[in-house]
């Protein structure tokens, strides 16, 4: 998906991959060789699904000298009054309404809806079909599962997992897993 979005954006002549499985199409080397390609490529993007690994790699790439783009599918709808930071990918059908802020290294997946005045901090993953009401905040390294819903004015803490299909009606503290309708804390997570 990330490669397709990069191609559809029509900003780069070539899209290639570094992957430890070098048999994949368009793979030019394994991840240990990332510094060798700086003369050939100005831009690099980490597409790992894991929030911490994606953030670690985007940071490593930036320190090496690459520019980290923001990738937005042409079928996403983004308010001109919202902002999206570097290293974030926005998938097809996603909607980000006015005055919302999306941090670095996030995944805003297929058909996600982020309503007005939301704050999505760095390294968050919103799975396909997530719905956020207005004025929702999601702190760093949190993951909201497939089809989950968060009502207006709710805050989700750092390092939280919201299970697929859950409906969040109250604030969720840091480092917990919550599930259900309405969502309840099911377990404490490691820091």
Protein backbone atom coordinates (compact mmCIF):
# COMPACT_ATOMS: atom_id res chain seq x y z
CA UNK A 1 0.00 0.00 0.00
CA UNK A 2 2.73 2.48 0.90
CA UNK A 3 4.50 1.89 -2.42
CA UNK A 4 1.24 2.31 -4.32
CA UNK A 5 0.56 5.60 -2.55
CA UNK A 6 4.09 6.83 -3.35
CA UNK A 7 3.58 5.95 -7.03
CA UNK A 8 0.14 7.59 -7.15
CA UNK A 9 1.51 10.81 -5.68
CA UNK A 10 3.64 11.27 -8.85
CA UNK A 11 6.51 12.89 -6.94
CA UNK A 12 9.19 10.23 -7.41
CA UNK A 13 10.65 8.61 -10.53
CA UNK A 14 11.40 5.34 -8.76
CA UNK A 15 10.04 3.49 -5.71
CA UNK A 16 12.32 0.77 -4.34
CA UNK A 17 12.52 -1.30 -1.15
CA UNK A 18 15.05 -2.40 1.39
CA UNK A 19 13.80 -5.62 2.93
CA UNK A 20 15.50 -8.51 4.64
CA UNK A 21 13.57 -10.73 2.21
CA UNK A 22 15.49 -9.64 -0.88
CA UNK A 23 13.35 -11.85 -3.17
CA UNK A 24 10.48 -9.34 -3.09
CA UNK A 25 9.74 -7.22 -6.18
CA UNK A 26 11.63 -3.90 -6.35
CA UNK A 27 13.94 -4.88 -3.45
CA UNK A 28 17.39 -3.37 -3.89
CA UNK A 29 18.99 -4.71 -0.71
CA UNK A 30 18.41 -5.63 2.91
CA UNK A 31 17.76 -3.14 5.69
CA UNK A 32 21.36 -3.20 6.93
CA UNK A 33 22.41 -1.41 3.72
CA UNK A 34 20.20 1.68 4.15
CA UNK A 35 23.13 4.13 4.35
CA UNK A 36 24.57 2.91 1.04
CA UNK A 37 21.70 4.41 -0.98
CA UNK A 38 21.85 8.01 0.26
CA UNK A 39 23.62 9.17 -2.90
CA UNK A 40 20.93 7.58 -5.08
CA UNK A 41 17.79 8.46 -3.09
CA UNK A 42 16.90 11.68 -1.28
CA UNK A 43 13.73 10.28 0.33
CA UNK A 44 13.19 7.22 2.50
CA UNK A 45 10.13 5.98 4.36
CA UNK A 46 9.65 3.22 6.91
CA UNK A 47 6.50 1.19 6.33
CA UNK A 48 6.64 -1.14 9.34
CA UNK A 49 3.23 -1.74 10.95
CA UNK A 50 4.73 -1.81 14.45
CA UNK A 51 4.62 1.74 15.89
CA UNK A 52 7.97 1.59 17.69
CA UNK A 53 9.84 -0.12 14.87
CA UNK A 54 8.44 2.33 12.28
CA UNK A 55 9.44 5.31 14.43
CA UNK A 56 12.90 3.89 15.15
CA UNK A 57 13.57 3.33 11.44
CA UNK A 58 12.24 6.73 10.32
CA UNK A 59 14.48 8.35 12.95
CA UNK A 60 17.47 6.27 11.83
CA UNK A 61 16.83 7.21 8.19
CA UNK A 62 16.56 10.91 9.04
CA UNK A 63 19.81 10.87 11.05
CA UNK A 64 21.52 9.21 8.06
CA UNK A 65 20.47 12.20 5.92
CA UNK A 66 17.30 11.09 4.14
CA UNK A 67 14.23 13.32 3.91
CA UNK A 68 11.16 11.60 5.38
CA UNK A 69 8.04 12.38 3.33
CA UNK A 70 4.38 12.33 4.25
CA UNK A 71 2.43 9.96 2.01
CA UNK A 72 -1.24 10.72 1.33
CA UNK A 73 -3.36 8.62 -1.03
CA UNK A 74 -5.09 10.79 -3.66
CA UNK A 75 -8.48 9.37 -2.57
CA UNK A 76 -8.05 10.58 1.01
CA UNK A 77 -9.85 13.78 2.03
CA UNK A 78 -7.76 16.13 4.16
CA UNK A 79 -9.02 19.50 5.38
CA UNK A 80 -6.77 22.38 4.40
CA UNK A 81 -7.00 23.48 8.05
CA UNK A 82 -5.49 20.23 9.34
CA UNK A 83 -1.83 19.24 9.52
CA UNK A 84 0.02 15.97 8.95
CA UNK A 85 3.65 15.57 9.98
CA UNK A 86 6.50 13.69 8.29
CA UNK A 87 6.68 9.92 8.15
CA UNK A 88 2.90 9.53 8.28
CA UNK A 89 0.91 7.59 5.71
CA UNK A 90 -2.78 8.28 4.98
CA UNK A 91 -4.53 5.44 3.17
CA UNK A 92 -7.39 5.57 0.61
CA UNK A 93 -10.80 6.66 1.81
CA UNK A 94 -9.47 8.28 4.98
CA UNK A 95 -11.05 11.59 6.01
CA UNK A 96 -9.33 14.12 8.26
CA UNK A 97 -11.59 17.05 9.07
CA UNK A 98 -10.75 20.64 10.00
CA UNK A 99 -8.38 21.68 12.75
CA UNK A 100 -7.06 18.18 13.37
CA UNK A 101 -3.37 17.49 13.87
CA UNK A 102 -1.65 14.24 12.92
CA UNK A 103 1.87 13.68 14.30
CA UNK A 104 4.97 12.00 12.91
CA UNK A 105 5.22 8.32 11.91
CA UNK A 106 1.47 7.58 12.06
CA UNK A 107 -0.65 5.18 10.03
CA UNK A 108 -4.09 6.53 9.18
CA UNK A 109 -5.46 3.42 7.58
CA UNK A 110 -8.15 2.74 4.96
CA UNK A 111 -11.51 4.48 5.53
CA UNK A 112 -10.53 6.06 8.86
CA UNK A 113 -12.56 9.11 9.89
CA UNK A 114 -10.90 11.74 12.09
CA UNK A 115 -13.41 14.44 12.93
CA UNK A 116 -12.73 18.10 13.79
CA UNK A 117 -10.22 19.28 16.40
CA UNK A 118 -8.58 15.90 16.99
CA UNK A 119 -4.96 15.48 18.07
CA UNK A 120 -3.21 12.31 16.99
CA UNK A 121 0.27 12.31 18.50
CA UNK A 122 3.38 10.69 17.04
CA UNK A 123 3.60 6.98 16.20
CA UNK A 124 -0.11 6.13 16.38
CA UNK A 125 -1.81 3.49 14.24
CA UNK A 126 -5.50 3.92 13.42
CA UNK A 127 -6.63 0.63 11.84
CA UNK A 128 -9.08 0.42 8.91
CA UNK A 129 -12.54 1.78 9.63
CA UNK A 130 -11.69 3.58 12.89
CA UNK A 131 -14.04 6.48 13.68
CA UNK A 132 -12.95 9.35 15.94
CA UNK A 133 -15.52 11.92 17.05
CA UNK A 134 -14.62 15.58 17.46
CA UNK A 135 -11.93 16.74 19.89
CA UNK A 136 -10.47 13.27 20.49
CA UNK A 137 -6.82 12.97 21.47
CA UNK A 138 -4.68 9.87 21.04
CA UNK A 139 -1.25 9.84 22.68
CA UNK A 140 1.98 8.38 21.30
CA UNK A 141 2.45 4.70 20.41
CA UNK A 142 -1.24 3.83 20.72
CA UNK A 143 -3.05 1.46 18.39
CA UNK A 144 -6.77 1.60 17.76
CA UNK A 145 -8.09 -1.64 16.27
CA UNK A 146 -10.22 -2.34 13.23
CA UNK A 147 -13.59 -0.56 13.25
CA UNK A 148 -13.28 0.88 16.77
CA UNK A 149 -15.15 4.08 17.58
CA UNK A 150 -14.21 6.86 19.99
CA UNK A 151 -16.88 9.38 20.98
CA UNK A 152 -16.30 13.16 21.17
CA UNK A 153 -14.00 14.71 23.77
CA UNK A 154 -12.28 11.47 24.83
CA UNK A 155 -8.54 11.15 25.50
CA UNK A 156 -6.64 7.94 24.90
CA UNK A 157 -3.33 7.65 26.74
CA UNK A 158 0.15 6.65 25.63
CA UNK A 159 0.89 3.08 24.55
CA UNK A 160 -2.77 2.02 24.59
CA UNK A 161 -4.37 -0.77 22.56
CA UNK A 162 -8.08 -0.44 21.78
CA UNK A 163 -9.47 -3.79 20.59
CA UNK A 164 -11.23 -4.10 17.24
CA UNK A 165 -14.91 -3.14 17.28
CA UNK A 166 -14.74 -1.39 20.65
CA UNK A 167 -16.64 1.79 21.46
CA UNK A 168 -14.67 4.15 23.69
CA UNK A 169 -16.93 6.41 25.76
CA UNK A 170 -14.52 7.46 28.56
CA UNK A 171 -10.89 8.54 28.83
CA UNK A 172 -8.38 5.68 28.72
CA UNK A 173 -5.17 5.94 30.82
CA UNK A 174 -1.65 5.10 29.63
CA UNK A 175 -0.42 1.58 28.85
CA UNK A 176 -3.62 -0.44 29.00
CA UNK A 177 -5.62 -2.62 26.64
CA UNK A 178 -9.32 -1.79 26.49
CA UNK A 179 -12.10 -3.68 24.73
CA UNK A 180 -15.86 -3.94 24.48
CA UNK A 181 -18.98 -1.85 24.04
CA UNK A 182 -18.50 0.31 25.97
CA UNK A 183 -14.73 -0.23 26.18
CA UNK A 184 -13.40 -1.29 29.56
CA UNK A 185 -9.80 -1.78 30.64
CA UNK A 186 -8.92 -5.46 30.31
CA UNK A 187 -5.24 -5.47 31.23
CA UNK A 188 -2.19 -3.36 32.02
CA UNK A 189 0.52 -3.28 29.34
CA UNK A 190 4.27 -3.03 29.80
CA UNK A 191 5.84 0.39 29.39
